[in-house]
Every structure is written in structure tokens, then in C-alpha cells.
Amino acid sequence: QVTLVESGGGSVQAGGSLRLSCAASGYSYRSVCMGWFRQAPGKERDRIATMGFDGSTYYANSVEGRFTISRDTAKNTLYLQMNSLKPEDTGIYYCAARRGYWSGSSCGDFPNLYTYWGQGTQVTVSS
């Protein structure tokens, strides 16, 4: 049984930083792609960053250069460092995992490709 638990959300002013964590259990990082999705109010859940089984990464254009996805394999934890935050980064951030030997870019955009999800953590960026 795979479980994902996010933490680290909160409220911050524009230009600030936050780091999200996703503690995972029940799987091997060697055989999954993991990533972060964001769902803004009234909008669909969008992929913003993913890391493949091989450590390769993908970023959505909207966060490229500002966000960094990383993992600590010893702790089985995925991170999302978010810098230069903007009001449009506001939303619920979800950690997700998809089994298989996917690279960061090929992991896929569609939420229904991901089997496992965390409960979500709210990020609010004020102007």
C-alpha cells in the first residue's frame, strides 16, 4: 500500500518561498515517477513538476526556473522548493505517484495516469 503525505504549505507574500514535502511509503523510488500537481480554485489539476525513476525532471513552463523538485531517497521524501512565488501559484498542491519506469518528462500530464495521491496542502500567495 502506497501512502503519500504532504506538508509545508502555507501563506506567503509574492516573492517569497515555501518548501513542500511529500513523505512516501510502500514503494521503491526506483520504479515510480513522482510529482506535484496544483489545483487552483475552479480550475483543473495541473502537473507542475515530476521526477522520473531515473531522477530526470520535468517542469511546467509556468514554474520553470522558480521551482525545484528533488528527493531524498534515504527518507523516501519528495520535495518542491518554490521561490519567487506569485499570486497565480495559489492553489492546493498534491503529491502523486505513478508506477513504472517513466522519465520526468514522459510521466504524463493527466491526473488519471497517477495511481497514488496525497491529501493536498494549501498554498496561498498574496500580492
C-alpha atoms as a PDB file:
ATOM      1  CA  GLN A   1       0.000   0.000   0.000  1.00  0.00           C
ATOM      2  CA  VAL A   2       1.479   3.327  -1.104  1.00  0.00           C
ATOM      3  CA  THR A   3       0.774   6.341   1.059  1.00  0.00           C
ATOM      4  CA  LEU A   4       1.753   9.930   0.394  1.00  0.00           C
ATOM      5  CA  VAL A   5       1.587  12.685   2.997  1.00  0.00           C
ATOM      6  CA  GLU A   6       2.252  16.297   2.059  1.00  0.00           C
ATOM      7  CA  SER A   7       3.331  19.093   4.346  1.00  0.00           C
ATOM      8  CA  GLY A   8       4.791  22.553   4.126  1.00  0.00           C
ATOM      9  CA  GLY A   9       2.004  24.609   2.634  1.00  0.00           C
ATOM     10  CA  GLY A  10       1.000  27.977   3.989  1.00  0.00           C
ATOM     11  CA  SER A  11       0.516  31.641   3.219  1.00  0.00           C
ATOM     12  CA  VAL A  12       3.260  33.843   1.865  1.00  0.00           C
ATOM     13  CA  GLN A  13       3.609  37.178   0.140  1.00  0.00           C
ATOM     14  CA  ALA A  14       4.538  37.438  -3.505  1.00  0.00           C
ATOM     15  CA  GLY A  15       8.256  36.966  -3.986  1.00  0.00           C
ATOM     16  CA  GLY A  16       8.524  34.650  -1.013  1.00  0.00           C
ATOM     17  CA  SER A  17       9.445  30.985  -0.799  1.00  0.00           C
ATOM     18  CA  LEU A  18       7.986  27.752   0.518  1.00  0.00           C
ATOM     19  CA  ARG A  19       9.149  24.164   0.516  1.00  0.00           C
ATOM     20  CA  LEU A  20       6.670  21.335   0.238  1.00  0.00           C
ATOM     21  CA  SER A  21       7.443  17.820   1.382  1.00  0.00           C
ATOM     22  CA  CYS A  22       5.836  14.531   0.440  1.00  0.00           C
ATOM     23  CA  ALA A  23       6.640  11.623   2.722  1.00  0.00           C
ATOM     24  CA  ALA A  24       6.082   8.357   0.907  1.00  0.00           C
ATOM     25  CA  SER A  25       5.877   4.759   1.976  1.00  0.00           C
ATOM     26  CA  GLY A  26       5.077   1.413   0.419  1.00  0.00           C
ATOM     27  CA  TYR A  27       7.053   1.724  -2.788  1.00  0.00           C
ATOM     28  CA  SER A  28      10.542   1.933  -4.216  1.00  0.00           C
ATOM     29  CA  TYR A  29      11.599   5.208  -5.814  1.00  0.00           C
ATOM     30  CA  ARG A  30      13.392   3.040  -8.379  1.00  0.00           C
ATOM     31  CA  SER A  31      10.128   2.051 -10.001  1.00  0.00           C
ATOM     32  CA  VAL A  32       7.877   5.072  -9.810  1.00  0.00           C
ATOM     33  CA  CYS A  33       7.560   8.530 -11.219  1.00  0.00           C
ATOM     34  CA  MET A  34       6.531  11.108  -8.630  1.00  0.00           C
ATOM     35  CA  GLY A  35       5.486  14.663  -8.910  1.00  0.00           C
ATOM     36  CA  TRP A  36       3.460  17.656  -7.899  1.00  0.00           C
ATOM     37  CA  PHE A  37       0.164  18.858  -9.229  1.00  0.00           C
ATOM     38  CA  ARG A  38      -1.575  22.132  -8.491  1.00  0.00           C
ATOM     39  CA  GLN A  39      -5.271  22.844  -8.472  1.00  0.00           C
ATOM     40  CA  ALA A  40      -6.320  26.472  -8.404  1.00  0.00           C
ATOM     41  CA  PRO A  41      -9.867  27.401  -7.368  1.00  0.00           C
ATOM     42  CA  GLY A  42     -12.306  26.500 -10.120  1.00  0.00           C
ATOM     43  CA  LYS A  43      -9.622  25.004 -12.337  1.00  0.00           C
ATOM     44  CA  GLU A  44      -8.340  21.579 -13.274  1.00  0.00           C
ATOM     45  CA  ARG A  45      -5.494  19.831 -11.558  1.00  0.00           C
ATOM     46  CA  ASP A  46      -2.301  20.577 -13.499  1.00  0.00           C
ATOM     47  CA  ARG A  47       1.081  18.890 -13.464  1.00  0.00           C
ATOM     48  CA  ILE A  48       3.771  21.342 -12.452  1.00  0.00           C
ATOM     49  CA  ALA A  49       6.825  19.163 -11.773  1.00  0.00           C
ATOM     50  CA  THR A  50       7.689  15.479 -11.940  1.00  0.00           C
ATOM     51  CA  MET A  51      10.730  13.337 -11.263  1.00  0.00           C
ATOM     52  CA  GLY A  52      11.200  10.035 -13.025  1.00  0.00           C
ATOM     53  CA  PHE A  53      12.564   6.801 -11.618  1.00  0.00           C
ATOM     54  CA  ASP A  54      15.949   7.810 -13.014  1.00  0.00           C
ATOM     55  CA  GLY A  55      15.966  11.218 -11.363  1.00  0.00           C
ATOM     56  CA  SER A  56      15.167  13.129 -14.538  1.00  0.00           C
ATOM     57  CA  THR A  57      12.849  16.096 -14.100  1.00  0.00           C
ATOM     58  CA  TYR A  58      10.096  17.980 -15.840  1.00  0.00           C
ATOM     59  CA  TYR A  59       8.701  21.430 -15.100  1.00  0.00           C
ATOM     60  CA  ALA A  60       5.697  23.218 -16.438  1.00  0.00           C
ATOM     61  CA  ASN A  61       6.534  26.452 -18.227  1.00  0.00           C
ATOM     62  CA  SER A  62       4.754  28.445 -15.537  1.00  0.00           C
ATOM     63  CA  VAL A  63       7.197  27.325 -12.826  1.00  0.00           C
ATOM     64  CA  GLU A  64      10.410  26.661 -14.773  1.00  0.00           C
ATOM     65  CA  GLY A  65      13.306  28.481 -13.156  1.00  0.00           C
ATOM     66  CA  ARG A  66      11.410  29.191  -9.936  1.00  0.00           C
ATOM     67  CA  PHE A  67      10.521  25.739  -8.609  1.00  0.00           C
ATOM     68  CA  THR A  68      12.840  22.811  -7.986  1.00  0.00           C
ATOM     69  CA  ILE A  69      11.764  19.218  -7.469  1.00  0.00           C
ATOM     70  CA  SER A  70      14.090  16.922  -5.560  1.00  0.00           C
ATOM     71  CA  ARG A  71      14.057  13.757  -3.489  1.00  0.00           C
ATOM     72  CA  ASP A  72      15.824  12.266  -0.525  1.00  0.00           C
ATOM     73  CA  THR A  73      15.935   8.562  -1.233  1.00  0.00           C
ATOM     74  CA  ALA A  74      17.066   7.701   2.288  1.00  0.00           C
ATOM     75  CA  LYS A  75      13.987   9.384   3.719  1.00  0.00           C
ATOM     76  CA  ASN A  76      11.667   8.410   0.870  1.00  0.00           C
ATOM     77  CA  THR A  77      10.637  12.028   0.644  1.00  0.00           C
ATOM     78  CA  LEU A  78       9.913  14.219  -2.352  1.00  0.00           C
ATOM     79  CA  TYR A  79      10.318  17.986  -2.143  1.00  0.00           C
ATOM     80  CA  LEU A  80       9.210  21.016  -4.072  1.00  0.00           C
ATOM     81  CA  GLN A  81      11.197  24.171  -3.407  1.00  0.00           C
ATOM     82  CA  MET A  82       9.164  27.143  -4.560  1.00  0.00           C
ATOM     83  CA  ASN A  83      10.877  30.505  -4.958  1.00  0.00           C
ATOM     84  CA  SER A  84       9.727  33.845  -6.323  1.00  0.00           C
ATOM     85  CA  LEU A  85       6.161  32.892  -5.647  1.00  0.00           C
ATOM     86  CA  LYS A  86       3.387  34.687  -7.490  1.00  0.00           C
ATOM     87  CA  PRO A  87      -0.307  35.076  -6.668  1.00  0.00           C
ATOM     88  CA  GLU A  88      -1.104  32.759  -9.576  1.00  0.00           C
ATOM     89  CA  ASP A  89       0.776  29.976  -7.758  1.00  0.00           C
ATOM     90  CA  THR A  90      -2.078  29.862  -5.251  1.00  0.00           C
ATOM     91  CA  GLY A  91      -3.847  26.534  -5.035  1.00  0.00           C
ATOM     92  CA  ILE A  92      -3.882  23.127  -3.473  1.00  0.00           C
ATOM     93  CA  TYR A  93      -0.697  21.214  -4.149  1.00  0.00           C
ATOM     94  CA  TYR A  94      -0.894  17.450  -4.444  1.00  0.00           C
ATOM     95  CA  CYS A  95       1.856  14.889  -4.425  1.00  0.00           C
ATOM     96  CA  ALA A  96       1.253  11.981  -6.803  1.00  0.00           C
ATOM     97  CA  ALA A  97       2.938   8.770  -7.872  1.00  0.00           C
ATOM     98  CA  ARG A  98       2.710   6.639 -10.970  1.00  0.00           C
ATOM     99  CA  ARG A  99       4.213   3.189 -11.018  1.00  0.00           C
ATOM    100  CA  GLY A 100       6.547   2.406 -13.875  1.00  0.00           C
ATOM    101  CA  TYR A 101       9.864   3.341 -15.389  1.00  0.00           C
ATOM    102  CA  TRP A 102       8.857   6.774 -16.588  1.00  0.00           C
ATOM    103  CA  SER A 103      11.228   9.672 -17.057  1.00  0.00           C
ATOM    104  CA  GLY A 104      10.319  13.018 -15.585  1.00  0.00           C
ATOM    105  CA  SER A 105       9.002  14.340 -18.873  1.00  0.00           C
ATOM    106  CA  SER A 106       7.197  11.194 -20.015  1.00  0.00           C
ATOM    107  CA  CYS A 107       5.427  10.648 -16.721  1.00  0.00           C
ATOM    108  CA  GLY A 108       2.383  12.379 -18.139  1.00  0.00           C
ATOM    109  CA  ASP A 109       0.150  15.383 -17.678  1.00  0.00           C
ATOM    110  CA  PHE A 110      -3.121  13.700 -16.898  1.00  0.00           C
ATOM    111  CA  PRO A 111      -4.045  13.111 -13.269  1.00  0.00           C
ATOM    112  CA  ASN A 112      -5.765   9.835 -14.100  1.00  0.00           C
ATOM    113  CA  LEU A 113      -2.376   8.348 -15.002  1.00  0.00           C
ATOM    114  CA  TYR A 114      -1.289   8.610 -11.383  1.00  0.00           C
ATOM    115  CA  THR A 115      -2.495   5.927  -9.033  1.00  0.00           C
ATOM    116  CA  TYR A 116      -1.497   7.375  -5.701  1.00  0.00           C
ATOM    117  CA  TRP A 117      -2.259  10.786  -4.253  1.00  0.00           C
ATOM    118  CA  GLY A 118      -1.654  12.705  -1.094  1.00  0.00           C
ATOM    119  CA  GLN A 119      -4.330  14.693   0.674  1.00  0.00           C
ATOM    120  CA  GLY A 120      -3.102  18.032  -0.651  1.00  0.00           C
ATOM    121  CA  THR A 121      -1.654  21.092   1.013  1.00  0.00           C
ATOM    122  CA  GLN A 122      -2.854  24.660   0.538  1.00  0.00           C
ATOM    123  CA  VAL A 123      -0.507  27.336  -0.761  1.00  0.00           C
ATOM    124  CA  THR A 124      -1.733  30.936  -0.764  1.00  0.00           C
ATOM    125  CA  VAL A 125       0.343  33.728  -2.265  1.00  0.00           C
ATOM    126  CA  SER A 126      -0.830  37.281  -1.639  1.00  0.00           C
ATOM    127  CA  SER A 127       0.138  40.305  -3.686  1.00  0.00           C
END
